[in-house]
PDB file of N, CA and C in Angstrom:
ATOM      1  N   MET A   1     -34.313 -15.636 -57.598  1.00  0.00           N
ATOM      2  CA  MET A   1     -33.820 -15.591 -56.241  1.00  0.00           C
ATOM      3  C   MET A   1     -34.247 -16.826 -55.452  1.00  0.00           C
ATOM      4  N   LEU A   2     -35.453 -17.266 -55.688  1.00  0.00           N
ATOM      5  CA  LEU A   2     -35.938 -18.436 -54.961  1.00  0.00           C
ATOM      6  C   LEU A   2     -35.250 -19.716 -55.429  1.00  0.00           C
ATOM      7  N   ASP A   3     -34.732 -19.711 -56.647  1.00  0.00           N
ATOM      8  CA  ASP A   3     -34.009 -20.880 -57.144  1.00  0.00           C
ATOM      9  C   ASP A   3     -32.821 -21.225 -56.253  1.00  0.00           C
ATOM     10  N   ARG A   4     -32.249 -20.229 -55.614  1.00  0.00           N
ATOM     11  CA  ARG A   4     -31.079 -20.438 -54.755  1.00  0.00           C
ATOM     12  C   ARG A   4     -31.411 -21.217 -53.488  1.00  0.00           C
ATOM     13  N   VAL A   5     -32.664 -21.190 -53.068  1.00  0.00           N
ATOM     14  CA  VAL A   5     -33.022 -21.796 -51.782  1.00  0.00           C
ATOM     15  C   VAL A   5     -34.052 -22.910 -51.897  1.00  0.00           C
ATOM     16  N   VAL A   6     -34.578 -23.161 -53.073  1.00  0.00           N
ATOM     17  CA  VAL A   6     -35.676 -24.107 -53.230  1.00  0.00           C
ATOM     18  C   VAL A   6     -35.319 -25.511 -52.735  1.00  0.00           C
ATOM     19  N   ASP A   7     -34.075 -25.926 -52.862  1.00  0.00           N
ATOM     20  CA  ASP A   7     -33.668 -27.266 -52.448  1.00  0.00           C
ATOM     21  C   ASP A   7     -33.171 -27.343 -51.013  1.00  0.00           C
ATOM     22  N   ARG A   8     -33.125 -26.228 -50.329  1.00  0.00           N
ATOM     23  CA  ARG A   8     -32.638 -26.219 -48.940  1.00  0.00           C
ATOM     24  C   ARG A   8     -33.764 -26.529 -47.968  1.00  0.00           C
ATOM     25  N   GLU A   9     -33.384 -27.181 -46.898  1.00  0.00           N
ATOM     26  CA  GLU A   9     -34.360 -27.438 -45.845  1.00  0.00           C
ATOM     27  C   GLU A   9     -34.615 -26.175 -45.036  1.00  0.00           C
ATOM     28  N   GLN A  10     -33.561 -25.367 -44.853  1.00  0.00           N
ATOM     29  CA  GLN A  10     -33.681 -24.101 -44.129  1.00  0.00           C
ATOM     30  C   GLN A  10     -32.897 -23.021 -44.872  1.00  0.00           C
ATOM     31  N   PHE A  11     -33.362 -21.795 -44.737  1.00  0.00           N
ATOM     32  CA  PHE A  11     -32.636 -20.660 -45.296  1.00  0.00           C
ATOM     33  C   PHE A  11     -33.079 -19.405 -44.570  1.00  0.00           C
ATOM     34  N   ASP A  12     -32.269 -18.365 -44.711  1.00  0.00           N
ATOM     35  CA  ASP A  12     -32.572 -17.068 -44.113  1.00  0.00           C
ATOM     36  C   ASP A  12     -33.248 -16.221 -45.191  1.00  0.00           C
ATOM     37  N   LEU A  13     -34.503 -15.904 -44.991  1.00  0.00           N
ATOM     38  CA  LEU A  13     -35.273 -15.175 -45.998  1.00  0.00           C
ATOM     39  C   LEU A  13     -34.633 -13.837 -46.348  1.00  0.00           C
ATOM     40  N   VAL A  14     -34.126 -13.127 -45.344  1.00  0.00           N
ATOM     41  CA  VAL A  14     -33.527 -11.817 -45.603  1.00  0.00           C
ATOM     42  C   VAL A  14     -32.189 -11.971 -46.328  1.00  0.00           C
ATOM     43  N   LEU A  15     -31.275 -12.748 -45.761  1.00  0.00           N
ATOM     44  CA  LEU A  15     -29.939 -12.867 -46.359  1.00  0.00           C
ATOM     45  C   LEU A  15     -29.951 -13.593 -47.702  1.00  0.00           C
ATOM     46  N   ASP A  16     -30.719 -14.645 -47.812  1.00  0.00           N
ATOM     47  CA  ASP A  16     -30.659 -15.475 -49.008  1.00  0.00           C
ATOM     48  C   ASP A  16     -31.606 -15.042 -50.123  1.00  0.00           C
ATOM     49  N   VAL A  17     -32.686 -14.347 -49.781  1.00  0.00           N
ATOM     50  CA  VAL A  17     -33.668 -13.983 -50.802  1.00  0.00           C
ATOM     51  C   VAL A  17     -33.796 -12.465 -50.946  1.00  0.00           C
ATOM     52  N   SER A  18     -34.104 -11.773 -49.869  1.00  0.00           N
ATOM     53  CA  SER A  18     -34.380 -10.326 -49.957  1.00  0.00           C
ATOM     54  C   SER A  18     -33.135  -9.487 -50.201  1.00  0.00           C
ATOM     55  N   ARG A  19     -32.048  -9.793 -49.547  1.00  0.00           N
ATOM     56  CA  ARG A  19     -30.823  -8.977 -49.621  1.00  0.00           C
ATOM     57  C   ARG A  19     -30.299  -8.810 -51.045  1.00  0.00           C
ATOM     58  N   PRO A  20     -30.290  -9.859 -51.866  1.00  0.00           N
ATOM     59  CA  PRO A  20     -29.737  -9.689 -53.226  1.00  0.00           C
ATOM     60  C   PRO A  20     -30.638  -8.942 -54.209  1.00  0.00           C
ATOM     61  N   ILE A  21     -31.903  -8.776 -53.902  1.00  0.00           N
ATOM     62  CA  ILE A  21     -32.836  -8.206 -54.881  1.00  0.00           C
ATOM     63  C   ILE A  21     -32.466  -6.783 -55.319  1.00  0.00           C
ATOM     64  N   PRO A  22     -32.224  -5.840 -54.400  1.00  0.00           N
ATOM     65  CA  PRO A  22     -31.880  -4.485 -54.875  1.00  0.00           C
ATOM     66  C   PRO A  22     -30.617  -4.451 -55.738  1.00  0.00           C
ATOM     67  N   ALA A  23     -29.603  -5.233 -55.354  1.00  0.00           N
ATOM     68  CA  ALA A  23     -28.374  -5.255 -56.150  1.00  0.00           C
ATOM     69  C   ALA A  23     -28.633  -5.795 -57.547  1.00  0.00           C
ATOM     70  N   ARG A  24     -29.481  -6.816 -57.652  1.00  0.00           N
ATOM     71  CA  ARG A  24     -29.762  -7.388 -58.971  1.00  0.00           C
ATOM     72  C   ARG A  24     -30.578  -6.429 -59.814  1.00  0.00           C
ATOM     73  N   VAL A  25     -31.548  -5.759 -59.223  1.00  0.00           N
ATOM     74  CA  VAL A  25     -32.380  -4.823 -59.984  1.00  0.00           C
ATOM     75  C   VAL A  25     -31.521  -3.669 -60.494  1.00  0.00           C
ATOM     76  N   ILE A  26     -30.746  -3.059 -59.605  1.00  0.00           N
ATOM     77  CA  ILE A  26     -29.887  -1.941 -59.998  1.00  0.00           C
ATOM     78  C   ILE A  26     -28.791  -2.417 -60.941  1.00  0.00           C
ATOM     79  N   GLY A  27     -28.190  -3.559 -60.619  1.00  0.00           N
ATOM     80  CA  GLY A  27     -27.150  -4.109 -61.482  1.00  0.00           C
ATOM     81  C   GLY A  27     -27.658  -4.391 -62.880  1.00  0.00           C
ATOM     82  N   ASP A  28     -28.860  -4.932 -62.978  1.00  0.00           N
ATOM     83  CA  ASP A  28     -29.443  -5.219 -64.281  1.00  0.00           C
ATOM     84  C   ASP A  28     -29.679  -3.928 -65.066  1.00  0.00           C
ATOM     85  N   MET A  29     -30.178  -2.904 -64.392  1.00  0.00           N
ATOM     86  CA  MET A  29     -30.406  -1.620 -65.066  1.00  0.00           C
ATOM     87  C   MET A  29     -29.105  -1.027 -65.598  1.00  0.00           C
ATOM     88  N   LEU A  30     -28.020  -1.174 -64.827  1.00  0.00           N
ATOM     89  CA  LEU A  30     -26.733  -0.608 -65.220  1.00  0.00           C
ATOM     90  C   LEU A  30     -25.936  -1.514 -66.151  1.00  0.00           C
ATOM     91  N   GLY A  31     -26.411  -2.745 -66.339  1.00  0.00           N
ATOM     92  CA  GLY A  31     -25.684  -3.680 -67.197  1.00  0.00           C
ATOM     93  C   GLY A  31     -24.546  -4.377 -66.470  1.00  0.00           C
ATOM     94  N   ILE A  32     -24.642  -4.489 -65.171  1.00  0.00           N
ATOM     95  CA  ILE A  32     -23.609  -5.152 -64.368  1.00  0.00           C
ATOM     96  C   ILE A  32     -23.938  -6.640 -64.305  1.00  0.00           C
ATOM     97  N   PRO A  33     -22.953  -7.500 -64.534  1.00  0.00           N
ATOM     98  CA  PRO A  33     -23.229  -8.936 -64.526  1.00  0.00           C
ATOM     99  C   PRO A  33     -23.675  -9.432 -63.146  1.00  0.00           C
ATOM    100  N   GLU A  34     -24.526 -10.438 -63.133  1.00  0.00           N
ATOM    101  CA  GLU A  34     -25.078 -10.980 -61.894  1.00  0.00           C
ATOM    102  C   GLU A  34     -23.986 -11.481 -60.955  1.00  0.00           C
ATOM    103  N   GLU A  35     -22.899 -11.984 -61.496  1.00  0.00           N
ATOM    104  CA  GLU A  35     -21.818 -12.490 -60.634  1.00  0.00           C
ATOM    105  C   GLU A  35     -21.154 -11.384 -59.804  1.00  0.00           C
ATOM    106  N   ASP A  36     -21.412 -10.116 -60.127  1.00  0.00           N
ATOM    107  CA  ASP A  36     -20.858  -9.006 -59.355  1.00  0.00           C
ATOM    108  C   ASP A  36     -21.834  -8.460 -58.307  1.00  0.00           C
ATOM    109  N   ASP A  37     -22.995  -9.088 -58.161  1.00  0.00           N
ATOM    110  CA  ASP A  37     -23.988  -8.617 -57.193  1.00  0.00           C
ATOM    111  C   ASP A  37     -23.434  -8.553 -55.773  1.00  0.00           C
ATOM    112  N   GLU A  38     -22.651  -9.547 -55.390  1.00  0.00           N
ATOM    113  CA  GLU A  38     -22.112  -9.565 -54.024  1.00  0.00           C
ATOM    114  C   GLU A  38     -21.204  -8.356 -53.782  1.00  0.00           C
ATOM    115  N   LYS A  39     -20.439  -7.947 -54.803  1.00  0.00           N
ATOM    116  CA  LYS A  39     -19.623  -6.724 -54.697  1.00  0.00           C
ATOM    117  C   LYS A  39     -20.516  -5.514 -54.450  1.00  0.00           C
ATOM    118  N   LEU A  40     -21.584  -5.398 -55.236  1.00  0.00           N
ATOM    119  CA  LEU A  40     -22.503  -4.268 -55.075  1.00  0.00           C
ATOM    120  C   LEU A  40     -23.102  -4.250 -53.674  1.00  0.00           C
ATOM    121  N   ILE A  41     -23.480  -5.405 -53.172  1.00  0.00           N
ATOM    122  CA  ILE A  41     -24.047  -5.493 -51.829  1.00  0.00           C
ATOM    123  C   ILE A  41     -23.016  -5.057 -50.792  1.00  0.00           C
ATOM    124  N   ASP A  42     -21.802  -5.559 -50.910  1.00  0.00           N
ATOM    125  CA  ASP A  42     -20.749  -5.198 -49.946  1.00  0.00           C
ATOM    126  C   ASP A  42     -20.448  -3.703 -49.987  1.00  0.00           C
ATOM    127  N   TRP A  43     -20.265  -3.165 -51.192  1.00  0.00           N
ATOM    128  CA  TRP A  43     -19.967  -1.736 -51.312  1.00  0.00           C
ATOM    129  C   TRP A  43     -21.100  -0.889 -50.740  1.00  0.00           C
ATOM    130  N   THR A  44     -22.325  -1.261 -51.046  1.00  0.00           N
ATOM    131  CA  THR A  44     -23.478  -0.517 -50.543  1.00  0.00           C
ATOM    132  C   THR A  44     -23.544  -0.573 -49.022  1.00  0.00           C
ATOM    133  N   ASN A  45     -23.350  -1.757 -48.458  1.00  0.00           N
ATOM    134  CA  ASN A  45     -23.387  -1.888 -47.008  1.00  0.00           C
ATOM    135  C   ASN A  45     -22.321  -1.031 -46.334  1.00  0.00           C
ATOM    136  N   ILE A  46     -21.133  -1.035 -46.870  1.00  0.00           N
ATOM    137  CA  ILE A  46     -20.037  -0.281 -46.256  1.00  0.00           C
ATOM    138  C   ILE A  46     -20.296   1.219 -46.327  1.00  0.00           C
ATOM    139  N   PHE A  47     -20.788   1.705 -47.463  1.00  0.00           N
ATOM    140  CA  PHE A  47     -20.948   3.148 -47.623  1.00  0.00           C
ATOM    141  C   PHE A  47     -22.277   3.696 -47.121  1.00  0.00           C
ATOM    142  N   THR A  48     -23.239   2.829 -46.860  1.00  0.00           N
ATOM    143  CA  THR A  48     -24.517   3.327 -46.345  1.00  0.00           C
ATOM    144  C   THR A  48     -24.771   2.929 -44.901  1.00  0.00           C
ATOM    145  N   ALA A  49     -24.082   1.918 -44.426  1.00  0.00           N
ATOM    146  CA  ALA A  49     -24.278   1.451 -43.045  1.00  0.00           C
ATOM    147  C   ALA A  49     -22.957   1.482 -42.287  1.00  0.00           C
ATOM    148  N   PHE A  50     -22.148   2.491 -42.574  1.00  0.00           N
ATOM    149  CA  PHE A  50     -20.806   2.554 -42.011  1.00  0.00           C
ATOM    150  C   PHE A  50     -20.773   2.657 -40.491  1.00  0.00           C
ATOM    151  N   GLU A  51     -21.874   3.041 -39.868  1.00  0.00           N
ATOM    152  CA  GLU A  51     -21.898   3.117 -38.407  1.00  0.00           C
ATOM    153  C   GLU A  51     -22.286   1.787 -37.773  1.00  0.00           C
ATOM    154  N   ASP A  52     -22.730   0.843 -38.579  1.00  0.00           N
ATOM    155  CA  ASP A  52     -23.074  -0.480 -38.091  1.00  0.00           C
ATOM    156  C   ASP A  52     -21.778  -1.273 -37.912  1.00  0.00           C
ATOM    157  N   PRO A  53     -21.518  -1.784 -36.710  1.00  0.00           N
ATOM    158  CA  PRO A  53     -20.260  -2.504 -36.476  1.00  0.00           C
ATOM    159  C   PRO A  53     -20.063  -3.713 -37.403  1.00  0.00           C
ATOM    160  N   LEU A  54     -21.165  -4.266 -37.891  1.00  0.00           N
ATOM    161  CA  LEU A  54     -21.075  -5.394 -38.803  1.00  0.00           C
ATOM    162  C   LEU A  54     -20.446  -4.994 -40.143  1.00  0.00           C
ATOM    163  N   TYR A  55     -20.660  -3.742 -40.542  1.00  0.00           N
ATOM    164  CA  TYR A  55     -20.195  -3.276 -41.849  1.00  0.00           C
ATOM    165  C   TYR A  55     -19.132  -2.183 -41.788  1.00  0.00           C
ATOM    166  N   ALA A  56     -18.851  -1.679 -40.625  1.00  0.00           N
ATOM    167  CA  ALA A  56     -17.902  -0.565 -40.497  1.00  0.00           C
ATOM    168  C   ALA A  56     -16.546  -0.949 -41.077  1.00  0.00           C
ATOM    169  N   PRO A  57     -16.038  -0.139 -41.982  1.00  0.00           N
ATOM    170  CA  PRO A  57     -14.733  -0.437 -42.565  1.00  0.00           C
ATOM    171  C   PRO A  57     -13.606  -0.159 -41.568  1.00  0.00           C
ATOM    172  N   GLU A  58     -12.509  -0.842 -41.770  1.00  0.00           N
ATOM    173  CA  GLU A  58     -11.313  -0.582 -40.986  1.00  0.00           C
ATOM    174  C   GLU A  58     -10.766   0.784 -41.389  1.00  0.00           C
ATOM    175  N   PRO A  59     -10.024   1.445 -40.482  1.00  0.00           N
ATOM    176  CA  PRO A  59      -9.429   2.740 -40.858  1.00  0.00           C
ATOM    177  C   PRO A  59      -8.585   2.593 -42.136  1.00  0.00           C
ATOM    178  N   GLY A  60      -8.807   3.492 -43.060  1.00  0.00           N
ATOM    179  CA  GLY A  60      -8.083   3.471 -44.323  1.00  0.00           C
ATOM    180  C   GLY A  60      -8.719   2.586 -45.388  1.00  0.00           C
ATOM    181  N   GLN A  61      -9.632   1.715 -44.990  1.00  0.00           N
ATOM    182  CA  GLN A  61     -10.270   0.808 -45.948  1.00  0.00           C
ATOM    183  C   GLN A  61     -11.202   1.560 -46.897  1.00  0.00           C
ATOM    184  N   THR A  62     -11.806   2.627 -46.422  1.00  0.00           N
ATOM    185  CA  THR A  62     -12.758   3.375 -47.248  1.00  0.00           C
ATOM    186  C   THR A  62     -12.089   3.903 -48.513  1.00  0.00           C
ATOM    187  N   ASP A  63     -10.906   4.471 -48.379  1.00  0.00           N
ATOM    188  CA  ASP A  63     -10.202   4.985 -49.559  1.00  0.00           C
ATOM    189  C   ASP A  63      -9.894   3.865 -50.552  1.00  0.00           C
ATOM    190  N   LEU A  64      -9.474   2.710 -50.045  1.00  0.00           N
ATOM    191  CA  LEU A  64      -9.171   1.583 -50.918  1.00  0.00           C
ATOM    192  C   LEU A  64     -10.427   1.077 -51.626  1.00  0.00           C
ATOM    193  N   LEU A  65     -11.527   1.004 -50.885  1.00  0.00           N
ATOM    194  CA  LEU A  65     -12.786   0.562 -51.481  1.00  0.00           C
ATOM    195  C   LEU A  65     -13.286   1.559 -52.518  1.00  0.00           C
ATOM    196  N   PHE A  66     -13.140   2.842 -52.221  1.00  0.00           N
ATOM    197  CA  PHE A  66     -13.558   3.866 -53.177  1.00  0.00           C
ATOM    198  C   PHE A  66     -12.749   3.741 -54.465  1.00  0.00           C
ATOM    199  N   GLN A  67     -11.452   3.511 -54.325  1.00  0.00           N
ATOM    200  CA  GLN A  67     -10.594   3.331 -55.497  1.00  0.00           C
ATOM    201  C   GLN A  67     -11.015   2.086 -56.278  1.00  0.00           C
ATOM    202  N   GLU A  68     -11.350   1.012 -55.559  1.00  0.00           N
ATOM    203  CA  GLU A  68     -11.826  -0.214 -56.206  1.00  0.00           C
ATOM    204  C   GLU A  68     -13.098   0.048 -57.012  1.00  0.00           C
ATOM    205  N   ILE A  69     -14.013   0.814 -56.434  1.00  0.00           N
ATOM    206  CA  ILE A  69     -15.260   1.145 -57.123  1.00  0.00           C
ATOM    207  C   ILE A  69     -14.965   1.987 -58.367  1.00  0.00           C
ATOM    208  N   LEU A  70     -14.092   2.975 -58.231  1.00  0.00           N
ATOM    209  CA  LEU A  70     -13.748   3.808 -59.386  1.00  0.00           C
ATOM    210  C   LEU A  70     -13.130   2.983 -60.504  1.00  0.00           C
ATOM    211  N   GLU A  71     -12.261   2.055 -60.155  1.00  0.00           N
ATOM    212  CA  GLU A  71     -11.648   1.196 -61.170  1.00  0.00           C
ATOM    213  C   GLU A  71     -12.696   0.295 -61.822  1.00  0.00           C
ATOM    214  N   TYR A  72     -13.604  -0.225 -61.021  1.00  0.00           N
ATOM    215  CA  TYR A  72     -14.668  -1.085 -61.542  1.00  0.00           C
ATOM    216  C   TYR A  72     -15.551  -0.311 -62.525  1.00  0.00           C
ATOM    217  N   VAL A  73     -15.995   0.867 -62.112  1.00  0.00           N
ATOM    218  CA  VAL A  73     -16.848   1.683 -62.974  1.00  0.00           C
ATOM    219  C   VAL A  73     -16.069   2.132 -64.215  1.00  0.00           C
ATOM    220  N   GLY A  74     -14.813   2.485 -64.032  1.00  0.00           N
ATOM    221  CA  GLY A  74     -13.980   2.874 -65.172  1.00  0.00           C
ATOM    222  C   GLY A  74     -13.884   1.763 -66.207  1.00  0.00           C
ATOM    223  N   ALA A  75     -13.746   0.522 -65.736  1.00  0.00           N
ATOM    224  CA  ALA A  75     -13.694  -0.621 -66.658  1.00  0.00           C
ATOM    225  C   ALA A  75     -15.028  -0.795 -67.384  1.00  0.00           C
ATOM    226  N   LEU A  76     -16.136  -0.594 -66.659  1.00  0.00           N
ATOM    227  CA  LEU A  76     -17.445  -0.669 -67.305  1.00  0.00           C
ATOM    228  C   LEU A  76     -17.593   0.407 -68.371  1.00  0.00           C
ATOM    229  N   VAL A  77     -17.135   1.605 -68.065  1.00  0.00           N
ATOM    230  CA  VAL A  77     -17.209   2.708 -69.027  1.00  0.00           C
ATOM    231  C   VAL A  77     -16.402   2.359 -70.273  1.00  0.00           C
ATOM    232  N   GLU A  78     -15.203   1.838 -70.078  1.00  0.00           N
ATOM    233  CA  GLU A  78     -14.372   1.468 -71.228  1.00  0.00           C
ATOM    234  C   GLU A  78     -15.055   0.383 -72.069  1.00  0.00           C
ATOM    235  N   GLN A  79     -15.710  -0.580 -71.395  1.00  0.00           N
ATOM    236  CA  GLN A  79     -16.450  -1.612 -72.127  1.00  0.00           C
ATOM    237  C   GLN A  79     -17.563  -0.987 -72.956  1.00  0.00           C
ATOM    238  N   ARG A  80     -18.269  -0.002 -72.382  1.00  0.00           N
ATOM    239  CA  ARG A  80     -19.385   0.620 -73.096  1.00  0.00           C
ATOM    240  C   ARG A  80     -18.884   1.499 -74.222  1.00  0.00           C
ATOM    241  N   VAL A  81     -17.717   2.097 -74.066  1.00  0.00           N
ATOM    242  CA  VAL A  81     -17.143   2.879 -75.165  1.00  0.00           C
ATOM    243  C   VAL A  81     -16.845   1.948 -76.336  1.00  0.00           C
ATOM    244  N   ALA A  82     -16.286   0.795 -76.033  1.00  0.00           N
ATOM    245  CA  ALA A  82     -15.932  -0.175 -77.078  1.00  0.00           C
ATOM    246  C   ALA A  82     -17.169  -0.839 -77.672  1.00  0.00           C
ATOM    247  N   ALA A  83     -18.160  -1.117 -76.818  1.00  0.00           N
ATOM    248  CA  ALA A  83     -19.350  -1.833 -77.280  1.00  0.00           C
ATOM    249  C   ALA A  83     -20.561  -1.368 -76.480  1.00  0.00           C
ATOM    250  N   PRO A  84     -21.209  -0.294 -76.926  1.00  0.00           N
ATOM    251  CA  PRO A  84     -22.384   0.212 -76.205  1.00  0.00           C
ATOM    252  C   PRO A  84     -23.468  -0.864 -76.093  1.00  0.00           C
ATOM    253  N   THR A  85     -24.188  -0.816 -75.000  1.00  0.00           N
ATOM    254  CA  THR A  85     -25.283  -1.766 -74.781  1.00  0.00           C
ATOM    255  C   THR A  85     -26.560  -0.984 -74.482  1.00  0.00           C
ATOM    256  N   ASP A  86     -27.640  -1.702 -74.337  1.00  0.00           N
ATOM    257  CA  ASP A  86     -28.931  -1.085 -74.045  1.00  0.00           C
ATOM    258  C   ASP A  86     -29.139  -1.094 -72.536  1.00  0.00           C
ATOM    259  N   ASP A  87     -28.336  -0.291 -71.824  1.00  0.00           N
ATOM    260  CA  ASP A  87     -28.456  -0.224 -70.375  1.00  0.00           C
ATOM    261  C   ASP A  87     -28.352   1.225 -69.912  1.00  0.00           C
ATOM    262  N   LEU A  88     -28.585   1.422 -68.646  1.00  0.00           N
ATOM    263  CA  LEU A  88     -28.589   2.767 -68.079  1.00  0.00           C
ATOM    264  C   LEU A  88     -27.210   3.422 -68.132  1.00  0.00           C
ATOM    265  N   LEU A  89     -26.163   2.654 -67.936  1.00  0.00           N
ATOM    266  CA  LEU A  89     -24.815   3.231 -67.989  1.00  0.00           C
ATOM    267  C   LEU A  89     -24.534   3.825 -69.361  1.00  0.00           C
ATOM    268  N   THR A  90     -24.862   3.098 -70.409  1.00  0.00           N
ATOM    269  CA  THR A  90     -24.662   3.627 -71.763  1.00  0.00           C
ATOM    270  C   THR A  90     -25.519   4.865 -71.982  1.00  0.00           C
ATOM    271  N   ALA A  91     -26.758   4.834 -71.504  1.00  0.00           N
ATOM    272  CA  ALA A  91     -27.648   5.997 -71.652  1.00  0.00           C
ATOM    273  C   ALA A  91     -27.085   7.200 -70.902  1.00  0.00           C
ATOM    274  N   LEU A  92     -26.554   6.990 -69.703  1.00  0.00           N
ATOM    275  CA  LEU A  92     -25.964   8.093 -68.939  1.00  0.00           C
ATOM    276  C   LEU A  92     -24.728   8.643 -69.634  1.00  0.00           C
ATOM    277  N   MET A  93     -23.938   7.770 -70.200  1.00  0.00           N
ATOM    278  CA  MET A  93     -22.758   8.230 -70.934  1.00  0.00           C
ATOM    279  C   MET A  93     -23.173   9.064 -72.142  1.00  0.00           C
ATOM    280  N   ASP A  94     -24.176   8.603 -72.854  1.00  0.00           N
ATOM    281  CA  ASP A  94     -24.656   9.362 -74.021  1.00  0.00           C
ATOM    282  C   ASP A  94     -25.240  10.704 -73.599  1.00  0.00           C
ATOM    283  N   ALA A  95     -25.959  10.720 -72.479  1.00  0.00           N
ATOM    284  CA  ALA A  95     -26.561  11.969 -71.998  1.00  0.00           C
ATOM    285  C   ALA A  95     -25.502  12.964 -71.569  1.00  0.00           C
ATOM    286  N   GLY A  96     -24.366  12.474 -71.104  1.00  0.00           N
ATOM    287  CA  GLY A  96     -23.301  13.354 -70.641  1.00  0.00           C
ATOM    288  C   GLY A  96     -22.412  13.865 -71.749  1.00  0.00           C
ATOM    289  N   SER A  97     -22.651  13.398 -72.966  1.00  0.00           N
ATOM    290  CA  SER A  97     -21.833  13.789 -74.109  1.00  0.00           C
ATOM    291  C   SER A  97     -22.733  14.282 -75.234  1.00  0.00           C
ATOM    292  N   PRO A  98     -23.250  15.507 -75.111  1.00  0.00           N
ATOM    293  CA  PRO A  98     -24.149  16.015 -76.148  1.00  0.00           C
ATOM    294  C   PRO A  98     -23.508  15.949 -77.533  1.00  0.00           C
ATOM    295  N   GLY A  99     -24.262  15.406 -78.465  1.00  0.00           N
ATOM    296  CA  GLY A  99     -23.769  15.333 -79.828  1.00  0.00           C
ATOM    297  C   GLY A  99     -22.802  14.202 -80.088  1.00  0.00           C
ATOM    298  N   ARG A 100     -22.483  13.434 -79.068  1.00  0.00           N
ATOM    299  CA  ARG A 100     -21.563  12.318 -79.222  1.00  0.00           C
ATOM    300  C   ARG A 100     -22.234  11.054 -78.736  1.00  0.00           C
ATOM    301  N   SER A 101     -21.893   9.961 -79.357  1.00  0.00           N
ATOM    302  CA  SER A 101     -22.386   8.680 -78.856  1.00  0.00           C
ATOM    303  C   SER A 101     -21.340   8.094 -77.926  1.00  0.00           C
ATOM    304  N   SER A 102     -21.741   7.098 -77.148  1.00  0.00           N
ATOM    305  CA  SER A 102     -20.813   6.486 -76.203  1.00  0.00           C
ATOM    306  C   SER A 102     -19.711   5.703 -76.915  1.00  0.00           C
ATOM    307  N   THR A 103     -19.828   5.540 -78.223  1.00  0.00           N
ATOM    308  CA  THR A 103     -18.773   4.854 -78.951  1.00  0.00           C
ATOM    309  C   THR A 103     -17.599   5.783 -79.238  1.00  0.00           C
ATOM    310  N   SER A 104     -17.774   7.064 -79.009  1.00  0.00           N
ATOM    311  CA  SER A 104     -16.701   8.024 -79.242  1.00  0.00           C
ATOM    312  C   SER A 104     -15.572   7.802 -78.250  1.00  0.00           C
ATOM    313  N   SER A 105     -14.351   7.838 -78.738  1.00  0.00           N
ATOM    314  CA  SER A 105     -13.205   7.634 -77.847  1.00  0.00           C
ATOM    315  C   SER A 105     -13.061   8.771 -76.846  1.00  0.00           C
ATOM    316  N   SER A 106     -13.735   9.888 -77.095  1.00  0.00           N
ATOM    317  CA  SER A 106     -13.623  11.006 -76.170  1.00  0.00           C
ATOM    318  C   SER A 106     -14.647  10.917 -75.040  1.00  0.00           C
ATOM    319  N   CYS A 107     -15.542   9.950 -75.098  1.00  0.00           N
ATOM    320  CA  CYS A 107     -16.549   9.783 -74.064  1.00  0.00           C
ATOM    321  C   CYS A 107     -15.929   9.088 -72.868  1.00  0.00           C
ATOM    322  N   ARG A 108     -15.843   9.769 -71.764  1.00  0.00           N
ATOM    323  CA  ARG A 108     -15.255   9.191 -70.556  1.00  0.00           C
ATOM    324  C   ARG A 108     -16.043   9.687 -69.350  1.00  0.00           C
ATOM    325  N   CYS A 109     -16.025   8.902 -68.333  1.00  0.00           N
ATOM    326  CA  CYS A 109     -16.646   9.288 -67.057  1.00  0.00           C
ATOM    327  C   CYS A 109     -15.538   9.971 -66.259  1.00  0.00           C
ATOM    328  N   SER A 110     -15.438  11.282 -66.330  1.00  0.00           N
ATOM    329  CA  SER A 110     -14.315  11.998 -65.747  1.00  0.00           C
ATOM    330  C   SER A 110     -14.233  11.827 -64.234  1.00  0.00           C
ATOM    331  N   SER A 111     -15.347  11.622 -63.560  1.00  0.00           N
ATOM    332  CA  SER A 111     -15.276  11.445 -62.122  1.00  0.00           C
ATOM    333  C   SER A 111     -14.973  10.009 -61.756  1.00  0.00           C
ATOM    334  N   CYS A 112     -14.945   9.114 -62.735  1.00  0.00           N
ATOM    335  CA  CYS A 112     -14.750   7.686 -62.442  1.00  0.00           C
ATOM    336  C   CYS A 112     -13.380   7.191 -62.825  1.00  0.00           C
ATOM    337  N   CYS A 113     -12.703   7.843 -63.714  1.00  0.00           N
ATOM    338  CA  CYS A 113     -11.451   7.275 -64.239  1.00  0.00           C
ATOM    339  C   CYS A 113     -10.272   8.148 -63.902  1.00  0.00           C
TER     340      CYS A 113
END
């Protein structure tokens, strides 16, 4: 995180350093690529700070964002079905399918897809 600001004369400690940390930690646990951290931050801000005017979604935007999240997670699930990894998402998929591994074509996140 500090690599992003080491060459700058000025930076915002919260926005540039602290803000991305939770998304990266959770993203890493779930096997989400680092380039998607900004998406995770935006989605989290909208759904947890929806009363904050800075993050409040426009009317109707919430449904579209929810659909975007479902499609994103659905794509991750399909990737893990095709090629399981050593991450929390694969572990959750395996836990939700007793007796089946996440490589099974019948393993799906029913609430996500």
